[in-house]
Amino acid sequence: MKRRQILQSVTPHAAAGPIGFASRQARPGVFATLRLLAIPALLALLAIANPATAEATQTPPALILAEVYRNGIDPADYWISEKLDGARAYWDGRQLFFLSGRPVQAPPWFTRDFPAQPLDGELWLGRGGFERLSGIVRKDAPVDEEWRQVRYMLFELPGAAGTFTERKDRLPQLVDAAGVPWLQAVEQFRVADRAALMAKLKVVVAAGGEGLMLHRAEARYSAGRSDDLLKLKPYLDREARVIAHLPGEGRHKGRLGALLVADADGRQFRVGTGFSDAQRQNPPPIGSVITYRYRGLTARGLPRFPAFLRVRDTF
């Protein structure tokens, strides 16, 4: 990105939001009104051009969601699996959806032999393959050659009866009946205590994995966020919205120095590390949502040592 563009990013017009057509001479109130008028008109035109657009919009599926593992929770009560760095996907027995509710545009052959019952899992390429996977599964026109590298890794049967132990034991049977190599069950194992859990985390992360997931063995299926499902990573991470590009100094002069971001509560802070040279030249757009790592919170509730991880993909 050119230096002039980065410097413009810190103006009030840039910080106002992701729609950046306001000029420096324009009055903000005029363009705020224009935005309000233009967006519904644009959506109406899109609906006319593509009548299926409204039909393709889906309500996010009611699935189990993970809390963060914390001290005091006995891991011996849980089945453990590797946390796969992929795109979560829900199979309703007929169609595949992202967690957002958007349909996954997978080739018909990919899902043709899936069982006619709900499945929950992760579209996955392997460790370190998230960026490549994102490029594959986001395409409206799927490419067969690319999708033949993708696996659908199953870890849950949404709404099914029984404990998690009973549900996870049925997954290999469903996989075997489908008879397609890209449908697989995630390996589950047990540990005796927290020391064993942390040792396993260290091994997984050293091999390029993201972390661990813990499923309470005796849990009945219940949608929503609870301690029935926990995630454990070697770091904390959260999301924030980009509100400005701050210019760099020294060796970063003429390109991004830091992102000014705001969390869900509106608290603003800077994220200035974790970027590649290419990302500093072309930083995440204003209005986009990023994931950042951090090491706990300050007394004011701000993240300590936040570092850029990635732009959040809205699947």
Protein backbone atom coordinates (compact mmCIF):
# COMPACT_ATOMS: atom_id res chain seq x y z
CA MET A 1 0.00 0.00 0.00
CA LYS A 2 1.28 3.43 -0.82
CA ARG A 3 2.32 5.75 1.98
CA ARG A 4 -0.35 8.29 1.03
CA GLN A 5 -3.05 5.63 1.39
CA ILE A 6 -1.87 4.58 4.83
CA LEU A 7 -1.71 8.19 6.04
CA GLN A 8 -5.26 8.77 4.79
CA SER A 9 -6.40 5.75 6.78
CA VAL A 10 -6.00 7.62 10.07
CA THR A 11 -8.36 10.42 9.03
CA PRO A 12 -11.83 10.53 10.65
CA HIS A 13 -13.38 9.50 7.31
CA ALA A 14 -11.46 6.22 7.33
CA ALA A 15 -12.20 5.52 10.97
CA ALA A 16 -15.92 5.98 10.41
CA GLY A 17 -16.37 2.53 8.92
CA PRO A 18 -15.65 0.13 6.09
CA ILE A 19 -17.41 2.17 3.39
CA GLY A 20 -14.69 4.53 2.28
CA PHE A 21 -16.13 6.66 -0.53
CA ALA A 22 -16.30 9.91 1.51
CA SER A 23 -13.92 12.59 0.25
CA ARG A 24 -11.98 14.94 2.48
CA GLN A 25 -14.12 17.89 1.38
CA ALA A 26 -17.47 16.16 1.90
CA ARG A 27 -19.64 16.78 4.92
CA PRO A 28 -19.87 13.56 7.02
CA GLY A 29 -23.62 13.99 7.58
CA VAL A 30 -24.36 14.09 3.86
CA PHE A 31 -22.49 10.90 3.16
CA ALA A 32 -23.95 9.15 6.19
CA THR A 33 -27.38 9.83 4.67
CA LEU A 34 -26.22 8.64 1.26
CA ARG A 35 -24.92 5.42 2.76
CA LEU A 36 -28.24 4.74 4.46
CA LEU A 37 -30.05 5.29 1.17
CA ALA A 38 -27.58 3.46 -1.01
CA ILE A 39 -27.24 0.21 0.93
CA PRO A 40 -30.93 -0.86 0.78
CA ALA A 41 -31.04 0.11 -2.90
CA LEU A 42 -27.97 -1.98 -3.62
CA LEU A 43 -29.40 -4.97 -1.76
CA ALA A 44 -32.63 -4.64 -3.72
CA LEU A 45 -30.74 -4.63 -7.01
CA LEU A 46 -28.79 -7.71 -5.96
CA ALA A 47 -32.01 -9.50 -5.08
CA ILE A 48 -33.46 -8.67 -8.51
CA ALA A 49 -30.31 -9.84 -10.25
CA ASN A 50 -30.24 -13.04 -8.23
CA PRO A 51 -33.65 -14.11 -6.83
CA ALA A 52 -32.02 -17.06 -5.06
CA THR A 53 -30.00 -14.73 -2.82
CA ALA A 54 -32.70 -14.43 -0.17
CA GLU A 55 -33.40 -18.14 -0.26
CA ALA A 56 -29.71 -18.94 0.23
CA THR A 57 -29.58 -16.99 3.49
CA GLN A 58 -29.87 -19.47 6.32
CA THR A 59 -30.29 -19.24 10.07
CA PRO A 60 -27.10 -20.37 11.84
CA PRO A 61 -27.54 -23.96 13.00
CA ALA A 62 -28.06 -24.55 16.72
CA LEU A 63 -24.85 -26.36 17.59
CA ILE A 64 -22.75 -26.96 20.67
CA LEU A 65 -20.11 -24.24 21.16
CA ALA A 66 -16.89 -24.30 23.16
CA GLU A 67 -15.88 -22.50 26.32
CA VAL A 68 -12.20 -21.99 27.17
CA TYR A 69 -10.54 -24.63 29.36
CA ARG A 70 -9.50 -23.31 32.77
CA ASN A 71 -7.83 -24.54 35.90
CA GLY A 72 -10.05 -26.54 38.21
CA ILE A 73 -11.68 -28.58 35.45
CA ASP A 74 -10.73 -32.26 35.64
CA PRO A 75 -9.75 -33.43 32.12
CA ALA A 76 -10.24 -37.03 33.19
CA ASP A 77 -13.98 -36.42 32.73
CA TYR A 78 -13.49 -35.62 29.04
CA TRP A 79 -12.64 -37.15 25.71
CA ILE A 80 -9.78 -35.22 24.09
CA SER A 81 -9.10 -34.52 20.43
CA GLU A 82 -6.86 -32.24 18.41
CA LYS A 83 -8.34 -28.83 17.61
CA LEU A 84 -8.39 -28.76 13.83
CA ASP A 85 -7.60 -25.44 12.16
CA GLY A 86 -10.25 -25.66 9.46
CA ALA A 87 -13.77 -24.45 8.67
CA ARG A 88 -16.54 -25.84 10.83
CA ALA A 89 -19.38 -27.28 8.79
CA TYR A 90 -22.80 -28.73 9.60
CA TRP A 91 -24.49 -31.44 7.52
CA ASP A 92 -28.28 -31.42 8.04
CA GLY A 93 -28.80 -34.73 6.25
CA ARG A 94 -29.22 -33.08 2.84
CA GLN A 95 -26.95 -30.03 2.60
CA LEU A 96 -23.68 -28.76 4.04
CA PHE A 97 -23.58 -25.39 5.84
CA PHE A 98 -20.95 -23.19 7.45
CA LEU A 99 -21.40 -22.24 11.10
CA SER A 100 -22.79 -18.88 9.89
CA GLY A 101 -25.66 -20.69 8.16
CA ARG A 102 -24.33 -20.07 4.64
CA PRO A 103 -24.43 -23.10 2.33
CA VAL A 104 -21.08 -24.66 1.51
CA GLN A 105 -20.66 -24.79 -2.27
CA ALA A 106 -19.12 -28.26 -2.30
CA PRO A 107 -19.15 -30.42 -5.43
CA PRO A 108 -22.18 -32.78 -5.50
CA TRP A 109 -19.91 -35.85 -5.40
CA PHE A 110 -18.36 -34.66 -2.12
CA THR A 111 -21.61 -35.06 -0.13
CA ARG A 112 -23.45 -37.63 -2.28
CA ASP A 113 -22.78 -40.56 0.08
CA PHE A 114 -23.06 -38.71 3.38
CA PRO A 115 -25.58 -40.26 5.82
CA ALA A 116 -29.10 -38.83 5.92
CA GLN A 117 -28.71 -37.49 9.46
CA PRO A 118 -27.13 -34.39 11.02
CA LEU A 119 -23.34 -34.31 11.35
CA ASP A 120 -20.96 -31.74 12.83
CA GLY A 121 -17.32 -31.50 11.88
CA GLU A 122 -14.49 -29.57 10.32
CA LEU A 123 -13.53 -29.13 6.67
CA TRP A 124 -9.79 -29.65 6.88
CA LEU A 125 -6.69 -29.87 4.69
CA GLY A 126 -4.22 -30.75 7.42
CA ARG A 127 -2.03 -28.84 9.85
CA GLY A 128 -1.02 -25.44 8.57
CA GLY A 129 -3.50 -25.58 5.69
CA PHE A 130 -6.12 -23.08 6.85
CA GLU A 131 -5.34 -20.29 4.37
CA ARG A 132 -5.40 -22.68 1.43
CA LEU A 133 -8.59 -24.32 2.70
CA SER A 134 -10.28 -20.94 3.03
CA GLY A 135 -9.54 -20.20 -0.61
CA ILE A 136 -11.04 -23.52 -1.67
CA VAL A 137 -14.28 -23.60 0.33
CA ARG A 138 -15.21 -19.93 -0.20
CA LYS A 139 -15.51 -20.28 -3.98
CA ASP A 140 -19.02 -20.13 -5.43
CA ALA A 141 -17.91 -22.46 -8.22
CA PRO A 142 -16.11 -25.40 -6.57
CA VAL A 143 -13.01 -26.83 -8.24
CA ASP A 144 -13.04 -30.63 -8.15
CA GLU A 145 -9.26 -30.98 -8.08
CA GLU A 146 -9.04 -28.70 -5.03
CA TRP A 147 -11.92 -30.36 -3.17
CA ARG A 148 -10.31 -33.78 -3.56
CA GLN A 149 -7.75 -32.58 -1.00
CA VAL A 150 -10.44 -31.64 1.57
CA ARG A 151 -11.58 -33.92 4.37
CA TYR A 152 -14.74 -33.60 6.46
CA MET A 153 -13.63 -34.54 9.97
CA LEU A 154 -16.57 -35.53 12.19
CA PHE A 155 -16.69 -35.00 15.95
CA GLU A 156 -20.38 -34.79 16.85
CA LEU A 157 -23.92 -35.95 16.05
CA PRO A 158 -26.13 -32.88 16.66
CA GLY A 159 -29.33 -33.65 18.52
CA ALA A 160 -28.61 -37.38 18.78
CA ALA A 161 -29.53 -39.36 21.88
CA GLY A 162 -27.05 -40.71 24.39
CA THR A 163 -23.89 -39.44 26.03
CA PHE A 164 -20.98 -38.04 24.08
CA THR A 165 -19.19 -41.36 24.53
CA GLU A 166 -22.12 -43.14 22.88
CA ARG A 167 -22.41 -40.55 20.11
CA LYS A 168 -18.71 -40.55 19.23
CA ASP A 169 -18.76 -44.38 19.12
CA ARG A 170 -21.40 -44.20 16.36
CA LEU A 171 -19.30 -41.93 14.16
CA PRO A 172 -16.92 -44.63 12.81
CA GLN A 173 -19.94 -46.77 11.88
CA LEU A 174 -21.41 -43.90 9.83
CA VAL A 175 -18.05 -43.26 8.19
CA ASP A 176 -17.65 -46.92 7.25
CA ALA A 177 -21.17 -47.05 5.81
CA ALA A 178 -20.51 -43.96 3.66
CA GLY A 179 -17.38 -45.56 2.19
CA VAL A 180 -15.71 -42.31 1.01
CA PRO A 181 -12.15 -41.49 2.10
CA TRP A 182 -12.79 -37.78 2.68
CA LEU A 183 -15.37 -38.49 5.42
CA GLN A 184 -13.51 -39.34 8.63
CA ALA A 185 -14.06 -39.37 12.39
CA VAL A 186 -11.79 -37.27 14.57
CA GLU A 187 -9.63 -39.40 16.88
CA GLN A 188 -10.67 -39.14 20.55
CA PHE A 189 -8.55 -40.17 23.54
CA ARG A 190 -8.47 -39.82 27.33
CA VAL A 191 -5.90 -38.41 29.77
CA ALA A 192 -5.51 -39.07 33.48
CA ASP A 193 -4.99 -35.54 34.77
CA ARG A 194 -4.06 -31.94 33.95
CA ALA A 195 -0.34 -32.73 33.74
CA ALA A 196 -1.02 -35.33 31.05
CA LEU A 197 -3.32 -32.90 29.24
CA MET A 198 -0.70 -30.15 29.12
CA ALA A 199 1.95 -32.64 27.98
CA LYS A 200 -0.30 -33.71 25.11
CA LEU A 201 -0.94 -30.06 24.21
CA LYS A 202 2.80 -29.48 23.99
CA VAL A 203 3.23 -32.46 21.64
CA VAL A 204 0.36 -31.37 19.36
CA VAL A 205 1.54 -27.75 19.14
CA ALA A 206 5.14 -28.81 18.48
CA ALA A 207 3.86 -30.88 15.54
CA GLY A 208 2.04 -27.88 14.05
CA GLY A 209 -1.37 -28.36 15.64
CA GLU A 210 -3.50 -25.52 17.00
CA GLY A 211 -4.57 -26.98 20.34
CA LEU A 212 -6.97 -29.47 21.94
CA MET A 213 -10.74 -29.90 22.31
CA LEU A 214 -12.35 -31.51 25.35
CA HIS A 215 -15.79 -33.20 25.12
CA ARG A 216 -17.43 -34.14 28.43
CA ALA A 217 -17.83 -37.91 28.24
CA GLU A 218 -21.23 -38.12 29.97
CA ALA A 219 -22.76 -35.03 28.37
CA ARG A 220 -26.11 -35.26 26.58
CA TYR A 221 -26.28 -33.12 23.47
CA SER A 222 -27.16 -29.50 24.22
CA ALA A 223 -26.74 -26.62 21.78
CA GLY A 224 -25.03 -23.44 22.91
CA ARG A 225 -21.90 -22.61 24.88
CA SER A 226 -21.12 -24.64 28.00
CA ASP A 227 -18.42 -26.66 29.75
CA ASP A 228 -19.60 -29.75 27.87
CA LEU A 229 -17.18 -28.61 25.15
CA LEU A 230 -13.88 -26.86 25.93
CA LYS A 231 -10.97 -25.59 23.86
CA LEU A 232 -7.37 -25.42 24.98
CA LYS A 233 -4.68 -23.46 23.13
CA PRO A 234 -1.17 -22.38 24.12
CA TYR A 235 -2.33 -18.76 23.84
CA LEU A 236 -5.46 -16.64 24.26
CA ASP A 237 -7.15 -15.11 21.24
CA ARG A 238 -10.02 -12.76 20.54
CA GLU A 239 -11.46 -10.72 17.71
CA ALA A 240 -11.61 -6.97 17.06
CA ARG A 241 -12.72 -4.68 14.26
CA VAL A 242 -10.19 -2.55 12.37
CA ILE A 243 -11.02 1.15 12.64
CA ALA A 244 -7.80 2.78 11.35
CA HIS A 245 -4.36 2.13 9.83
CA LEU A 246 -1.60 3.86 11.79
CA PRO A 247 1.52 4.78 9.75
CA GLY A 248 4.83 3.14 10.51
CA GLU A 249 8.13 4.68 11.52
CA GLY A 250 11.74 3.65 11.01
CA ARG A 251 11.96 0.57 8.82
CA HIS A 252 8.17 0.54 8.51
CA LYS A 253 7.99 4.13 7.26
CA GLY A 254 5.60 4.38 4.30
CA ARG A 255 3.61 1.32 5.28
CA LEU A 256 1.51 0.00 8.16
CA GLY A 257 2.85 0.57 11.65
CA ALA A 258 -0.13 -0.72 13.64
CA LEU A 259 -3.85 -1.32 13.45
CA LEU A 260 -6.18 0.69 15.64
CA VAL A 261 -8.95 -1.75 16.56
CA ALA A 262 -12.03 -1.88 18.77
CA ASP A 263 -13.31 -4.90 20.67
CA ALA A 264 -16.94 -5.92 21.10
CA ASP A 265 -17.31 -3.48 24.02
CA GLY A 266 -15.93 -0.58 22.02
CA ARG A 267 -12.55 -0.43 23.78
CA GLN A 268 -9.83 0.72 21.40
CA PHE A 269 -6.21 -0.42 21.32
CA ARG A 270 -3.36 -0.96 18.91
CA VAL A 271 -2.13 -4.18 17.34
CA GLY A 272 1.38 -3.58 16.01
CA THR A 273 3.09 -6.98 15.82
CA GLY A 274 2.54 -10.27 14.03
CA PHE A 275 2.37 -8.81 10.50
CA SER A 276 4.40 -10.01 7.53
CA ASP A 277 5.99 -7.46 5.20
CA ALA A 278 3.25 -8.18 2.65
CA GLN A 279 0.55 -7.53 5.26
CA ARG A 280 2.16 -4.23 6.21
CA GLN A 281 2.06 -3.20 2.55
CA ASN A 282 -1.56 -4.31 2.18
CA PRO A 283 -3.06 -4.32 5.69
CA PRO A 284 -6.47 -5.73 6.64
CA PRO A 285 -9.19 -3.37 5.37
CA ILE A 286 -10.85 -0.89 7.66
CA GLY A 287 -14.08 -2.49 8.84
CA SER A 288 -12.71 -6.03 8.67
CA VAL A 289 -12.49 -8.24 11.75
CA ILE A 290 -9.15 -9.67 12.83
CA THR A 291 -8.16 -12.38 15.28
CA TYR A 292 -5.31 -11.43 17.60
CA ARG A 293 -3.32 -13.26 20.27
CA TYR A 294 -2.71 -11.78 23.70
CA ARG A 295 -1.30 -12.62 27.14
CA GLY A 296 -4.05 -11.79 29.60
CA LEU A 297 -5.75 -8.49 30.35
CA THR A 298 -4.65 -5.27 32.00
CA ALA A 299 -6.53 -3.72 34.95
CA ARG A 300 -8.47 -1.67 32.38
CA GLY A 301 -9.57 -4.81 30.55
CA LEU A 302 -7.28 -4.30 27.54
CA PRO A 303 -5.24 -7.15 26.04
CA ARG A 304 -1.59 -7.40 27.02
CA PHE A 305 0.87 -7.75 24.12
CA PRO A 306 -1.74 -8.18 21.35
CA ALA A 307 -0.31 -9.66 18.14
CA PHE A 308 -2.05 -10.06 14.79
CA LEU A 309 -2.99 -13.63 13.91
CA ARG A 310 -5.24 -13.43 10.83
CA VAL A 311 -8.19 -11.72 9.21
CA ARG A 312 -11.30 -13.55 10.33
CA ASP A 313 -12.94 -15.42 7.49
CA THR A 314 -16.71 -15.03 7.44
CA PHE A 315 -17.73 -18.35 5.92
